[in-house]
Amino acid sequence: MKLRIAVLISCLIIGVPSAAHEVLRTSNGGRLVKTDAYSVELVVKDDALTVYLTDLKGRPVSTVAFKAHATLDVDGKEQHILLERQQSGSWSGKSPLLLPPEGRIAIHLTASDGKTTRVSFHAPRD
């Protein structure tokens, strides 16, 4: 009986991180967060952000029907970056400052029907 309880507790502890947005590494060198409807990848290089959108099976989603922006929170200070749609089916934008290795970046994607998807990335460059 004690073994069953220990196994159950272990399964619950291991399963807890998957209940939140799951952050994975990708082939583009960014980080991937899966939401209920999409997978959002963020690539951070120096002062540049690039965001890729795919469906849950990894197929690219057209960015034409979306507007996107990023909100950076570094040391309690917020900075907003407009993300421009690229021909590659992604969005990109530049920060006026070099992006620090720690902080939070929230990506906001608004579809043409007004629905917004928001995902957060913590310490995007580690």
C-alpha atoms as a PDB file:
ATOM      1  CA  MET A   1       0.000   0.000   0.000  1.00  0.00           C
ATOM      2  CA  LYS A   2       2.799   2.432   0.870  1.00  0.00           C
ATOM      3  CA  LEU A   3       4.472   1.638  -2.442  1.00  0.00           C
ATOM      4  CA  ARG A   4       1.268   2.491  -4.349  1.00  0.00           C
ATOM      5  CA  ILE A   5       0.976   5.809  -2.540  1.00  0.00           C
ATOM      6  CA  ALA A   6       4.648   6.606  -3.213  1.00  0.00           C
ATOM      7  CA  VAL A   7       4.216   5.785  -6.920  1.00  0.00           C
ATOM      8  CA  LEU A   8       1.050   7.911  -7.111  1.00  0.00           C
ATOM      9  CA  ILE A   9       2.753  10.879  -5.433  1.00  0.00           C
ATOM     10  CA  SER A  10       5.763  10.526  -7.756  1.00  0.00           C
ATOM     11  CA  CYS A  11       3.474  10.544 -10.798  1.00  0.00           C
ATOM     12  CA  LEU A  12       1.686  13.651  -9.549  1.00  0.00           C
ATOM     13  CA  ILE A  13       4.949  15.483  -8.882  1.00  0.00           C
ATOM     14  CA  ILE A  14       6.356  14.581 -12.282  1.00  0.00           C
ATOM     15  CA  GLY A  15       3.071  15.567 -13.984  1.00  0.00           C
ATOM     16  CA  VAL A  16       2.771  19.020 -12.395  1.00  0.00           C
ATOM     17  CA  PRO A  17       5.110  20.887 -14.795  1.00  0.00           C
ATOM     18  CA  SER A  18       3.133  19.691 -17.793  1.00  0.00           C
ATOM     19  CA  ALA A  19       0.008  21.407 -16.447  1.00  0.00           C
ATOM     20  CA  ALA A  20       1.618  24.810 -17.069  1.00  0.00           C
ATOM     21  CA  HIS A  21       2.808  26.061 -20.442  1.00  0.00           C
ATOM     22  CA  GLU A  22       5.511  23.636 -21.464  1.00  0.00           C
ATOM     23  CA  VAL A  23       8.764  25.219 -22.645  1.00  0.00           C
ATOM     24  CA  LEU A  24      10.794  23.128 -25.112  1.00  0.00           C
ATOM     25  CA  ARG A  25      13.942  23.702 -27.173  1.00  0.00           C
ATOM     26  CA  THR A  26      13.583  23.906 -30.968  1.00  0.00           C
ATOM     27  CA  SER A  27      15.624  23.508 -34.123  1.00  0.00           C
ATOM     28  CA  ASN A  28      15.557  27.298 -34.680  1.00  0.00           C
ATOM     29  CA  GLY A  29      17.476  27.722 -31.451  1.00  0.00           C
ATOM     30  CA  GLY A  30      14.534  29.273 -29.644  1.00  0.00           C
ATOM     31  CA  ARG A  31      12.123  28.164 -26.993  1.00  0.00           C
ATOM     32  CA  LEU A  32       8.703  26.713 -27.708  1.00  0.00           C
ATOM     33  CA  VAL A  33       5.568  27.098 -25.609  1.00  0.00           C
ATOM     34  CA  LYS A  34       2.502  25.017 -26.406  1.00  0.00           C
ATOM     35  CA  THR A  35      -0.914  26.520 -25.715  1.00  0.00           C
ATOM     36  CA  ASP A  36      -4.346  24.993 -26.239  1.00  0.00           C
ATOM     37  CA  ALA A  37      -4.381  25.939 -29.931  1.00  0.00           C
ATOM     38  CA  TYR A  38      -0.836  26.810 -31.025  1.00  0.00           C
ATOM     39  CA  SER A  39       2.856  26.357 -30.486  1.00  0.00           C
ATOM     40  CA  VAL A  40       4.710  29.653 -30.171  1.00  0.00           C
ATOM     41  CA  GLU A  41       8.484  29.761 -30.610  1.00  0.00           C
ATOM     42  CA  LEU A  42      10.617  32.683 -29.481  1.00  0.00           C
ATOM     43  CA  VAL A  43      14.160  33.221 -30.737  1.00  0.00           C
ATOM     44  CA  VAL A  44      16.163  35.975 -28.985  1.00  0.00           C
ATOM     45  CA  LYS A  45      19.451  37.261 -30.401  1.00  0.00           C
ATOM     46  CA  ASP A  46      21.060  40.387 -28.974  1.00  0.00           C
ATOM     47  CA  ASP A  47      18.371  43.061 -29.525  1.00  0.00           C
ATOM     48  CA  ALA A  48      16.164  41.060 -31.935  1.00  0.00           C
ATOM     49  CA  LEU A  49      13.102  38.904 -31.315  1.00  0.00           C
ATOM     50  CA  THR A  50      11.664  36.442 -33.824  1.00  0.00           C
ATOM     51  CA  VAL A  51       8.394  34.607 -33.193  1.00  0.00           C
ATOM     52  CA  TYR A  52       7.196  31.538 -35.116  1.00  0.00           C
ATOM     53  CA  LEU A  53       3.647  30.145 -34.937  1.00  0.00           C
ATOM     54  CA  THR A  54       2.676  26.543 -35.663  1.00  0.00           C
ATOM     55  CA  ASP A  55      -0.325  24.389 -34.975  1.00  0.00           C
ATOM     56  CA  LEU A  56      -0.046  21.652 -32.358  1.00  0.00           C
ATOM     57  CA  LYS A  57       1.210  19.202 -34.999  1.00  0.00           C
ATOM     58  CA  GLY A  58       4.117  21.498 -35.890  1.00  0.00           C
ATOM     59  CA  ARG A  59       2.705  22.821 -39.169  1.00  0.00           C
ATOM     60  CA  PRO A  60       3.259  26.540 -39.840  1.00  0.00           C
ATOM     61  CA  VAL A  61       0.227  28.766 -39.313  1.00  0.00           C
ATOM     62  CA  SER A  62      -0.284  31.746 -41.605  1.00  0.00           C
ATOM     63  CA  THR A  63       0.541  34.967 -39.796  1.00  0.00           C
ATOM     64  CA  VAL A  64      -1.598  37.117 -42.119  1.00  0.00           C
ATOM     65  CA  ALA A  65      -4.634  37.093 -39.816  1.00  0.00           C
ATOM     66  CA  PHE A  66      -2.638  38.038 -36.692  1.00  0.00           C
ATOM     67  CA  LYS A  67      -1.124  41.108 -35.112  1.00  0.00           C
ATOM     68  CA  ALA A  68       1.714  40.577 -32.673  1.00  0.00           C
ATOM     69  CA  HIS A  69       3.652  42.459 -30.044  1.00  0.00           C
ATOM     70  CA  ALA A  70       6.007  41.599 -27.226  1.00  0.00           C
ATOM     71  CA  THR A  71       6.149  42.948 -23.698  1.00  0.00           C
ATOM     72  CA  LEU A  72       9.500  42.726 -21.923  1.00  0.00           C
ATOM     73  CA  ASP A  73       9.666  42.900 -18.147  1.00  0.00           C
ATOM     74  CA  VAL A  74      13.210  43.467 -16.929  1.00  0.00           C
ATOM     75  CA  ASP A  75      13.793  44.488 -13.330  1.00  0.00           C
ATOM     76  CA  GLY A  76      10.154  45.574 -13.030  1.00  0.00           C
ATOM     77  CA  LYS A  77      10.301  47.867 -16.066  1.00  0.00           C
ATOM     78  CA  GLU A  78       8.104  47.101 -19.069  1.00  0.00           C
ATOM     79  CA  GLN A  79       9.077  47.676 -22.666  1.00  0.00           C
ATOM     80  CA  HIS A  80       6.717  47.095 -25.613  1.00  0.00           C
ATOM     81  CA  ILE A  81       8.000  45.943 -28.991  1.00  0.00           C
ATOM     82  CA  LEU A  82       5.832  45.865 -32.100  1.00  0.00           C
ATOM     83  CA  LEU A  83       6.470  42.678 -34.054  1.00  0.00           C
ATOM     84  CA  GLU A  84       6.336  43.003 -37.833  1.00  0.00           C
ATOM     85  CA  ARG A  85       5.073  40.157 -40.010  1.00  0.00           C
ATOM     86  CA  GLN A  86       7.808  38.596 -42.162  1.00  0.00           C
ATOM     87  CA  GLN A  87       7.544  36.732 -45.472  1.00  0.00           C
ATOM     88  CA  SER A  88       8.836  33.600 -43.753  1.00  0.00           C
ATOM     89  CA  GLY A  89       5.587  33.259 -41.774  1.00  0.00           C
ATOM     90  CA  SER A  90       7.027  34.737 -38.623  1.00  0.00           C
ATOM     91  CA  TRP A  91       7.183  38.061 -36.808  1.00  0.00           C
ATOM     92  CA  SER A  92      10.253  39.990 -35.785  1.00  0.00           C
ATOM     93  CA  GLY A  93      11.086  43.124 -33.884  1.00  0.00           C
ATOM     94  CA  LYS A  94      14.014  44.944 -32.320  1.00  0.00           C
ATOM     95  CA  SER A  95      14.491  46.319 -28.861  1.00  0.00           C
ATOM     96  CA  PRO A  96      16.208  49.698 -28.530  1.00  0.00           C
ATOM     97  CA  LEU A  97      18.384  47.999 -25.903  1.00  0.00           C
ATOM     98  CA  LEU A  98      20.352  44.777 -25.775  1.00  0.00           C
ATOM     99  CA  LEU A  99      18.042  42.134 -24.337  1.00  0.00           C
ATOM    100  CA  PRO A 100      19.271  40.897 -20.941  1.00  0.00           C
ATOM    101  CA  PRO A 101      19.734  37.182 -20.233  1.00  0.00           C
ATOM    102  CA  GLU A 102      17.128  37.359 -17.450  1.00  0.00           C
ATOM    103  CA  GLY A 103      13.612  38.701 -17.381  1.00  0.00           C
ATOM    104  CA  ARG A 104      10.217  37.861 -18.806  1.00  0.00           C
ATOM    105  CA  ILE A 105       8.989  38.249 -22.357  1.00  0.00           C
ATOM    106  CA  ALA A 106       5.270  37.970 -23.080  1.00  0.00           C
ATOM    107  CA  ILE A 107       4.162  37.458 -26.662  1.00  0.00           C
ATOM    108  CA  HIS A 108       0.650  38.672 -27.547  1.00  0.00           C
ATOM    109  CA  LEU A 109      -0.949  37.335 -30.729  1.00  0.00           C
ATOM    110  CA  THR A 110      -4.322  38.795 -31.725  1.00  0.00           C
ATOM    111  CA  ALA A 111      -6.295  37.033 -34.453  1.00  0.00           C
ATOM    112  CA  SER A 112      -8.606  38.868 -36.848  1.00  0.00           C
ATOM    113  CA  ASP A 113     -11.608  37.633 -34.798  1.00  0.00           C
ATOM    114  CA  GLY A 114     -10.230  39.469 -31.749  1.00  0.00           C
ATOM    115  CA  LYS A 115      -9.096  36.387 -29.836  1.00  0.00           C
ATOM    116  CA  THR A 116      -5.747  36.915 -28.135  1.00  0.00           C
ATOM    117  CA  THR A 117      -3.182  34.270 -27.302  1.00  0.00           C
ATOM    118  CA  ARG A 118      -0.585  35.296 -24.710  1.00  0.00           C
ATOM    119  CA  VAL A 119       2.446  33.232 -23.794  1.00  0.00           C
ATOM    120  CA  SER A 120       5.279  34.032 -21.405  1.00  0.00           C
ATOM    121  CA  PHE A 121       8.917  33.118 -21.636  1.00  0.00           C
ATOM    122  CA  HIS A 122      11.135  33.444 -18.568  1.00  0.00           C
ATOM    123  CA  ALA A 123      14.882  34.002 -18.949  1.00  0.00           C
ATOM    124  CA  PRO A 124      14.732  33.323 -22.708  1.00  0.00           C
ATOM    125  CA  ARG A 125      18.484  33.080 -23.120  1.00  0.00           C
ATOM    126  CA  ASP A 126      20.023  30.554 -20.747  1.00  0.00           C
END
